[in-house]
Amino acid sequence: MKQNGHEWDINHKLKRYVADPLGFRSLLGAKDAMIVGDFVLQFLERAYWPDAAMMILVKSGSWDAYSSRGESA
């Protein structure tokens, strides 16, 4: 695997899904939510799957509508 300096940079990886990774991570913490699934596997394996999705587990009732670009819906 070619090393590009971003393989362990979670904010760089999140930019594929959200415009503001720091704000998104803050929101995850505030809402007791966590990222699961393909995104986590890709990060830990330092892999890239073009059609991978990001799944988020959220405590019931704690998440307002949130678009994939990091803006309130």
C-alpha atoms as a PDB file:
ATOM      1  CA  MET A   1       0.000   0.000   0.000  1.00  0.00           C
ATOM      2  CA  LYS A   2       1.309   3.434  -0.921  1.00  0.00           C
ATOM      3  CA  GLN A   3       1.681   5.667   2.138  1.00  0.00           C
ATOM      4  CA  ASN A   4       0.355   9.196   1.555  1.00  0.00           C
ATOM      5  CA  GLY A   5       0.389  10.580   5.088  1.00  0.00           C
ATOM      6  CA  HIS A   6      -3.394  10.406   5.440  1.00  0.00           C
ATOM      7  CA  GLU A   7      -3.850   6.746   6.310  1.00  0.00           C
ATOM      8  CA  TRP A   8      -4.463   7.487  10.031  1.00  0.00           C
ATOM      9  CA  ASP A   9      -6.024  10.963   9.604  1.00  0.00           C
ATOM     10  CA  ILE A  10      -9.675  10.425  10.539  1.00  0.00           C
ATOM     11  CA  ASN A  11     -10.649  13.965   9.507  1.00  0.00           C
ATOM     12  CA  HIS A  12      -9.227  13.429   6.028  1.00  0.00           C
ATOM     13  CA  LYS A  13     -11.214  10.187   5.689  1.00  0.00           C
ATOM     14  CA  LEU A  14     -14.427  11.826   6.900  1.00  0.00           C
ATOM     15  CA  LYS A  15     -14.182  14.566   4.228  1.00  0.00           C
ATOM     16  CA  ARG A  16     -15.415  11.976   1.746  1.00  0.00           C
ATOM     17  CA  TYR A  17     -18.769  12.034   3.551  1.00  0.00           C
ATOM     18  CA  VAL A  18     -19.090  15.387   5.373  1.00  0.00           C
ATOM     19  CA  ALA A  19     -17.948  18.948   4.673  1.00  0.00           C
ATOM     20  CA  ASP A  20     -16.934  19.648   8.292  1.00  0.00           C
ATOM     21  CA  PRO A  21     -15.328  16.582   9.894  1.00  0.00           C
ATOM     22  CA  LEU A  22     -14.573  18.314  13.213  1.00  0.00           C
ATOM     23  CA  GLY A  23     -18.138  19.581  13.512  1.00  0.00           C
ATOM     24  CA  PHE A  24     -19.477  16.170  12.541  1.00  0.00           C
ATOM     25  CA  ARG A  25     -17.338  14.439  15.183  1.00  0.00           C
ATOM     26  CA  SER A  26     -18.499  16.949  17.761  1.00  0.00           C
ATOM     27  CA  LEU A  27     -22.117  16.249  16.820  1.00  0.00           C
ATOM     28  CA  LEU A  28     -21.519  12.494  17.092  1.00  0.00           C
ATOM     29  CA  GLY A  29     -20.251  12.995  20.632  1.00  0.00           C
ATOM     30  CA  ALA A  30     -23.078  15.312  21.589  1.00  0.00           C
ATOM     31  CA  LYS A  31     -25.688  12.844  20.320  1.00  0.00           C
ATOM     32  CA  ASP A  32     -24.097   9.676  21.736  1.00  0.00           C
ATOM     33  CA  ALA A  33     -23.633   8.340  18.218  1.00  0.00           C
ATOM     34  CA  MET A  34     -20.856   6.338  16.617  1.00  0.00           C
ATOM     35  CA  ILE A  35     -19.689   5.391  13.153  1.00  0.00           C
ATOM     36  CA  VAL A  36     -19.856   1.674  12.320  1.00  0.00           C
ATOM     37  CA  GLY A  37     -19.540  -0.588   9.296  1.00  0.00           C
ATOM     38  CA  ASP A  38     -17.523  -0.127   6.107  1.00  0.00           C
ATOM     39  CA  PHE A  39     -16.045   3.228   7.081  1.00  0.00           C
ATOM     40  CA  VAL A  40     -14.505   1.782  10.241  1.00  0.00           C
ATOM     41  CA  LEU A  41     -13.193  -1.296   8.436  1.00  0.00           C
ATOM     42  CA  GLN A  42     -11.627   0.832   5.704  1.00  0.00           C
ATOM     43  CA  PHE A  43      -9.983   3.078   8.263  1.00  0.00           C
ATOM     44  CA  LEU A  44      -8.522   0.217  10.296  1.00  0.00           C
ATOM     45  CA  GLU A  45      -7.396  -1.700   7.205  1.00  0.00           C
ATOM     46  CA  ARG A  46      -6.145   1.495   5.532  1.00  0.00           C
ATOM     47  CA  ALA A  47      -8.188   0.489   2.495  1.00  0.00           C
ATOM     48  CA  TYR A  48     -10.437   2.315   0.034  1.00  0.00           C
ATOM     49  CA  TRP A  49     -13.675   0.892  -1.310  1.00  0.00           C
ATOM     50  CA  PRO A  50     -15.324   3.242  -3.842  1.00  0.00           C
ATOM     51  CA  ASP A  51     -18.892   2.179  -3.066  1.00  0.00           C
ATOM     52  CA  ALA A  52     -18.549   2.010   0.728  1.00  0.00           C
ATOM     53  CA  ALA A  53     -21.176   3.649   2.900  1.00  0.00           C
ATOM     54  CA  MET A  54     -20.956   5.269   6.298  1.00  0.00           C
ATOM     55  CA  MET A  55     -23.347   3.901   8.882  1.00  0.00           C
ATOM     56  CA  ILE A  56     -24.036   5.676  12.154  1.00  0.00           C
ATOM     57  CA  LEU A  57     -25.551   4.197  15.289  1.00  0.00           C
ATOM     58  CA  VAL A  58     -27.575   6.715  17.262  1.00  0.00           C
ATOM     59  CA  LYS A  59     -29.348   6.481  20.567  1.00  0.00           C
ATOM     60  CA  SER A  60     -33.059   6.565  19.745  1.00  0.00           C
ATOM     61  CA  GLY A  61     -34.498  10.067  19.559  1.00  0.00           C
ATOM     62  CA  SER A  62     -31.198  11.890  19.972  1.00  0.00           C
ATOM     63  CA  TRP A  63     -30.451  12.883  16.367  1.00  0.00           C
ATOM     64  CA  ASP A  64     -32.042  15.727  14.441  1.00  0.00           C
ATOM     65  CA  ALA A  65     -32.180  15.400  10.668  1.00  0.00           C
ATOM     66  CA  TYR A  66     -28.651  15.704   9.312  1.00  0.00           C
ATOM     67  CA  SER A  67     -27.694  15.661   5.667  1.00  0.00           C
ATOM     68  CA  SER A  68     -24.722  13.799   4.200  1.00  0.00           C
ATOM     69  CA  ARG A  69     -22.928  17.111   3.622  1.00  0.00           C
ATOM     70  CA  GLY A  70     -22.950  18.110   7.275  1.00  0.00           C
ATOM     71  CA  GLU A  71     -25.844  20.551   7.255  1.00  0.00           C
ATOM     72  CA  SER A  72     -29.035  20.446   9.257  1.00  0.00           C
ATOM     73  CA  ALA A  73     -31.908  19.344   7.068  1.00  0.00           C
END
